[in-house]
Amino acid sequence: MKKKLFLIIGAPGSGKTTDAQLIAERNPDLVVHYSTGDLLRAEVASGSDLGKEIKSYIDNGKLVPLEIVINTIKSAIEKADKPIVLIDGFPRSVEQMKALDEMLKNSDDIELVSVIEVEVSEEVAKDRVLGRARGADDNVEVFNNRMKVYLEPLADIEKFYESQGKLIKINGERTIEEIVDEMEKVIKEKAGV
């Protein structure tokens, strides 16, 4: 059975992780949701050779190399016991996007169906992440940094998936109910379930 993969991207504070979790909870027989961090932690917990390798990077405070991240994602998708896999927060860079694309080209078991972008303005994202109080400066700085890291490759990522006809944008400035309903509908339609 070919796994149907959906990538969910969005700014910090866009709610993408919550949206994906809720869709998976609503459709326990159909949908499994992972964030990249969860996948790496699960692989470490499994005690596999790949997991041991990941752990050595994390323990030494190093970034896990891209090739290992891609292998971890591939292994998780293939092991998933549901037909639809949602991964949020990936790709975060053009480099990740190209590596993922390469992996998908060489895999017969995984089909990337759509990339769903949850769109929110920087203002809304900032309010959600920092709360209305506009916390301490360090929080603002951390947020601005995360936002910059998200936005820098975004145009290239959008263009890449748009050219494949796979990019779908969803307005993330509505109630969580409305966003999740729309996203769930898109996923089910595109996955043909």
Protein backbone atom coordinates (compact mmCIF):
# COMPACT_ATOMS: atom_id res chain seq x y z
CA MET A 1 0.00 0.00 0.00
CA LYS A 2 1.39 3.36 -1.04
CA LYS A 3 1.50 5.82 1.86
CA LYS A 4 0.02 9.23 1.16
CA LEU A 5 2.17 11.97 2.63
CA PHE A 6 1.03 15.49 3.50
CA LEU A 7 3.49 18.12 4.69
CA ILE A 8 2.12 20.90 6.86
CA ILE A 9 4.14 24.08 7.03
CA GLY A 10 3.50 27.39 8.74
CA ALA A 11 5.09 30.11 10.80
CA PRO A 12 5.72 29.71 14.53
CA GLY A 13 2.31 30.31 16.09
CA SER A 14 0.40 29.24 12.97
CA GLY A 15 -1.05 26.29 14.89
CA LYS A 16 0.11 23.70 12.34
CA THR A 17 1.05 21.08 14.96
CA THR A 18 -2.26 21.37 16.81
CA ASP A 19 -4.21 21.22 13.53
CA ALA A 20 -2.41 18.06 12.44
CA GLN A 21 -2.84 16.42 15.87
CA LEU A 22 -6.57 17.08 15.87
CA ILE A 23 -7.00 15.64 12.37
CA ALA A 24 -5.12 12.51 13.42
CA GLU A 25 -7.29 12.21 16.56
CA ARG A 26 -10.48 12.57 14.53
CA ASN A 27 -9.37 9.90 12.05
CA PRO A 28 -7.58 7.24 14.10
CA ASP A 29 -7.90 4.57 11.39
CA LEU A 30 -6.74 6.77 8.56
CA VAL A 31 -4.24 9.34 9.73
CA VAL A 32 -1.00 9.38 11.67
CA HIS A 33 0.76 12.64 12.57
CA TYR A 34 4.43 13.26 13.27
CA SER A 35 6.59 16.26 13.83
CA THR A 36 10.21 15.87 12.81
CA GLY A 37 11.37 16.20 16.42
CA ASP A 38 8.99 13.41 17.50
CA LEU A 39 10.35 11.15 14.78
CA LEU A 40 13.96 11.64 15.82
CA ARG A 41 13.08 11.04 19.50
CA ALA A 42 11.08 7.91 18.64
CA GLU A 43 13.95 6.54 16.57
CA VAL A 44 16.33 7.13 19.51
CA ALA A 45 13.87 5.43 21.87
CA SER A 46 13.64 2.41 19.56
CA GLY A 47 17.32 1.70 20.19
CA SER A 48 17.96 1.07 16.47
CA ASP A 49 21.36 1.73 14.91
CA LEU A 50 19.91 4.83 13.30
CA GLY A 51 18.58 5.86 16.73
CA LYS A 52 22.00 5.41 18.33
CA GLU A 53 23.56 7.56 15.65
CA ILE A 54 20.95 10.30 16.18
CA LYS A 55 21.48 10.14 19.95
CA SER A 56 25.21 10.70 19.59
CA TYR A 57 24.56 13.95 17.70
CA ILE A 58 21.90 15.16 20.13
CA ASP A 59 24.00 14.27 23.19
CA ASN A 60 26.87 16.32 21.80
CA GLY A 61 24.60 19.26 21.08
CA LYS A 62 25.06 18.89 17.35
CA LEU A 63 22.49 19.20 14.60
CA VAL A 64 21.38 15.85 13.26
CA PRO A 65 22.66 15.65 9.65
CA LEU A 66 20.08 16.03 6.94
CA GLU A 67 20.61 12.58 5.46
CA ILE A 68 19.81 11.00 8.83
CA VAL A 69 16.71 13.16 9.26
CA ILE A 70 15.48 12.09 5.81
CA ASN A 71 16.15 8.41 6.57
CA THR A 72 14.26 8.77 9.84
CA ILE A 73 11.28 10.32 8.07
CA LYS A 74 11.34 7.61 5.41
CA SER A 75 11.53 4.83 7.98
CA ALA A 76 8.64 6.30 10.01
CA ILE A 77 6.39 6.72 6.97
CA GLU A 78 7.07 3.17 5.84
CA LYS A 79 6.39 1.80 9.33
CA ALA A 80 3.22 3.84 9.82
CA ASP A 81 0.18 1.61 10.16
CA LYS A 82 -2.19 4.19 8.62
CA PRO A 83 -2.55 5.10 4.95
CA ILE A 84 -2.21 8.88 5.46
CA VAL A 85 0.82 10.46 7.11
CA LEU A 86 0.97 14.11 8.17
CA ILE A 87 4.33 15.64 8.98
CA ASP A 88 4.43 19.15 10.32
CA GLY A 89 7.28 21.62 10.26
CA PHE A 90 9.17 20.05 7.37
CA PRO A 91 10.86 21.05 5.12
CA ARG A 92 12.34 24.08 6.88
CA SER A 93 14.96 24.84 4.26
CA VAL A 94 15.57 24.52 0.54
CA GLU A 95 18.23 21.94 1.33
CA GLN A 96 15.73 19.81 3.28
CA MET A 97 13.18 20.21 0.50
CA LYS A 98 15.63 18.96 -2.15
CA ALA A 99 16.77 16.03 -0.01
CA LEU A 100 13.16 15.06 0.66
CA ASP A 101 12.33 15.34 -3.04
CA GLU A 102 15.27 13.07 -3.88
CA MET A 103 14.13 10.51 -1.30
CA LEU A 104 10.56 10.57 -2.66
CA LYS A 105 11.78 10.07 -6.24
CA ASN A 106 13.58 6.93 -5.11
CA SER A 107 10.72 5.55 -3.06
CA ASP A 108 7.88 3.51 -4.51
CA ASP A 109 5.96 3.32 -1.23
CA ILE A 110 5.46 7.01 -0.54
CA GLU A 111 3.53 9.59 -2.52
CA LEU A 112 3.70 13.25 -1.54
CA VAL A 113 0.13 14.36 -2.13
CA SER A 114 0.13 17.97 -0.93
CA VAL A 115 2.01 20.58 1.01
CA ILE A 116 -0.43 22.54 3.14
CA GLU A 117 0.68 25.99 4.24
CA VAL A 118 -1.16 27.46 7.22
CA GLU A 119 -0.97 31.19 6.57
CA VAL A 120 -0.97 33.75 9.35
CA SER A 121 0.31 37.32 9.40
CA GLU A 122 3.44 38.07 11.38
CA GLU A 123 1.28 40.13 13.77
CA VAL A 124 -1.05 37.24 14.55
CA ALA A 125 1.84 34.80 14.88
CA LYS A 126 3.59 37.14 17.31
CA ASP A 127 0.44 37.60 19.41
CA ARG A 128 -0.06 33.85 19.64
CA VAL A 129 3.53 33.00 20.47
CA LEU A 130 4.18 35.82 22.92
CA GLY A 131 0.69 36.27 24.29
CA ARG A 132 -1.02 39.64 24.32
CA ALA A 133 1.40 40.87 26.95
CA ARG A 134 4.34 40.94 24.53
CA GLY A 135 6.67 39.15 26.91
CA ALA A 136 10.26 39.90 27.72
CA ASP A 137 12.60 41.14 25.00
CA ASP A 138 14.40 37.82 24.82
CA ASN A 139 11.13 36.12 23.86
CA VAL A 140 10.55 38.72 21.17
CA GLU A 141 14.05 38.17 19.89
CA VAL A 142 13.63 34.40 19.85
CA PHE A 143 10.32 34.79 18.03
CA ASN A 144 11.79 37.21 15.46
CA ASN A 145 14.62 34.81 14.87
CA ARG A 146 12.31 31.82 14.37
CA MET A 147 10.16 33.90 12.04
CA LYS A 148 13.18 34.92 9.98
CA VAL A 149 14.35 31.30 9.74
CA TYR A 150 10.84 30.32 8.58
CA LEU A 151 10.44 33.13 6.06
CA GLU A 152 13.87 33.06 4.42
CA PRO A 153 13.40 29.91 2.30
CA LEU A 154 9.60 30.18 2.12
CA ALA A 155 9.29 31.74 -1.35
CA ASP A 156 11.54 29.04 -2.85
CA ILE A 157 9.68 26.28 -1.04
CA GLU A 158 6.31 27.65 -2.18
CA LYS A 159 7.50 27.98 -5.77
CA PHE A 160 8.90 24.45 -5.82
CA TYR A 161 5.69 22.79 -4.63
CA GLU A 162 3.47 25.16 -6.59
CA SER A 163 5.24 24.12 -9.80
CA GLN A 164 4.32 20.51 -8.94
CA GLY A 165 0.72 21.56 -8.29
CA LYS A 166 1.02 20.41 -4.68
CA LEU A 167 0.85 23.63 -2.66
CA ILE A 168 -2.39 24.41 -0.85
CA LYS A 169 -2.73 27.50 1.32
CA ILE A 170 -5.15 27.63 4.22
CA ASN A 171 -6.07 30.75 6.16
CA GLY A 172 -4.78 30.17 9.69
CA GLU A 173 -6.36 33.26 11.21
CA ARG A 174 -9.73 31.67 11.91
CA THR A 175 -10.98 29.53 14.77
CA ILE A 176 -9.16 26.26 15.22
CA GLU A 177 -12.41 24.46 14.39
CA GLU A 178 -12.70 26.16 10.99
CA ILE A 179 -9.06 25.57 10.12
CA VAL A 180 -9.10 21.91 11.12
CA ASP A 181 -12.38 21.30 9.25
CA GLU A 182 -10.96 22.78 6.05
CA MET A 183 -7.62 21.01 6.37
CA GLU A 184 -9.30 17.68 7.07
CA LYS A 185 -11.56 18.11 4.06
CA VAL A 186 -8.59 18.94 1.79
CA ILE A 187 -6.60 15.95 3.06
CA LYS A 188 -9.47 13.52 2.59
CA GLU A 189 -10.33 14.83 -0.88
CA LYS A 190 -6.72 14.76 -2.05
CA ALA A 191 -6.07 11.33 -0.54
CA GLY A 192 -9.27 10.03 -2.14
CA VAL A 193 -10.82 8.68 1.06
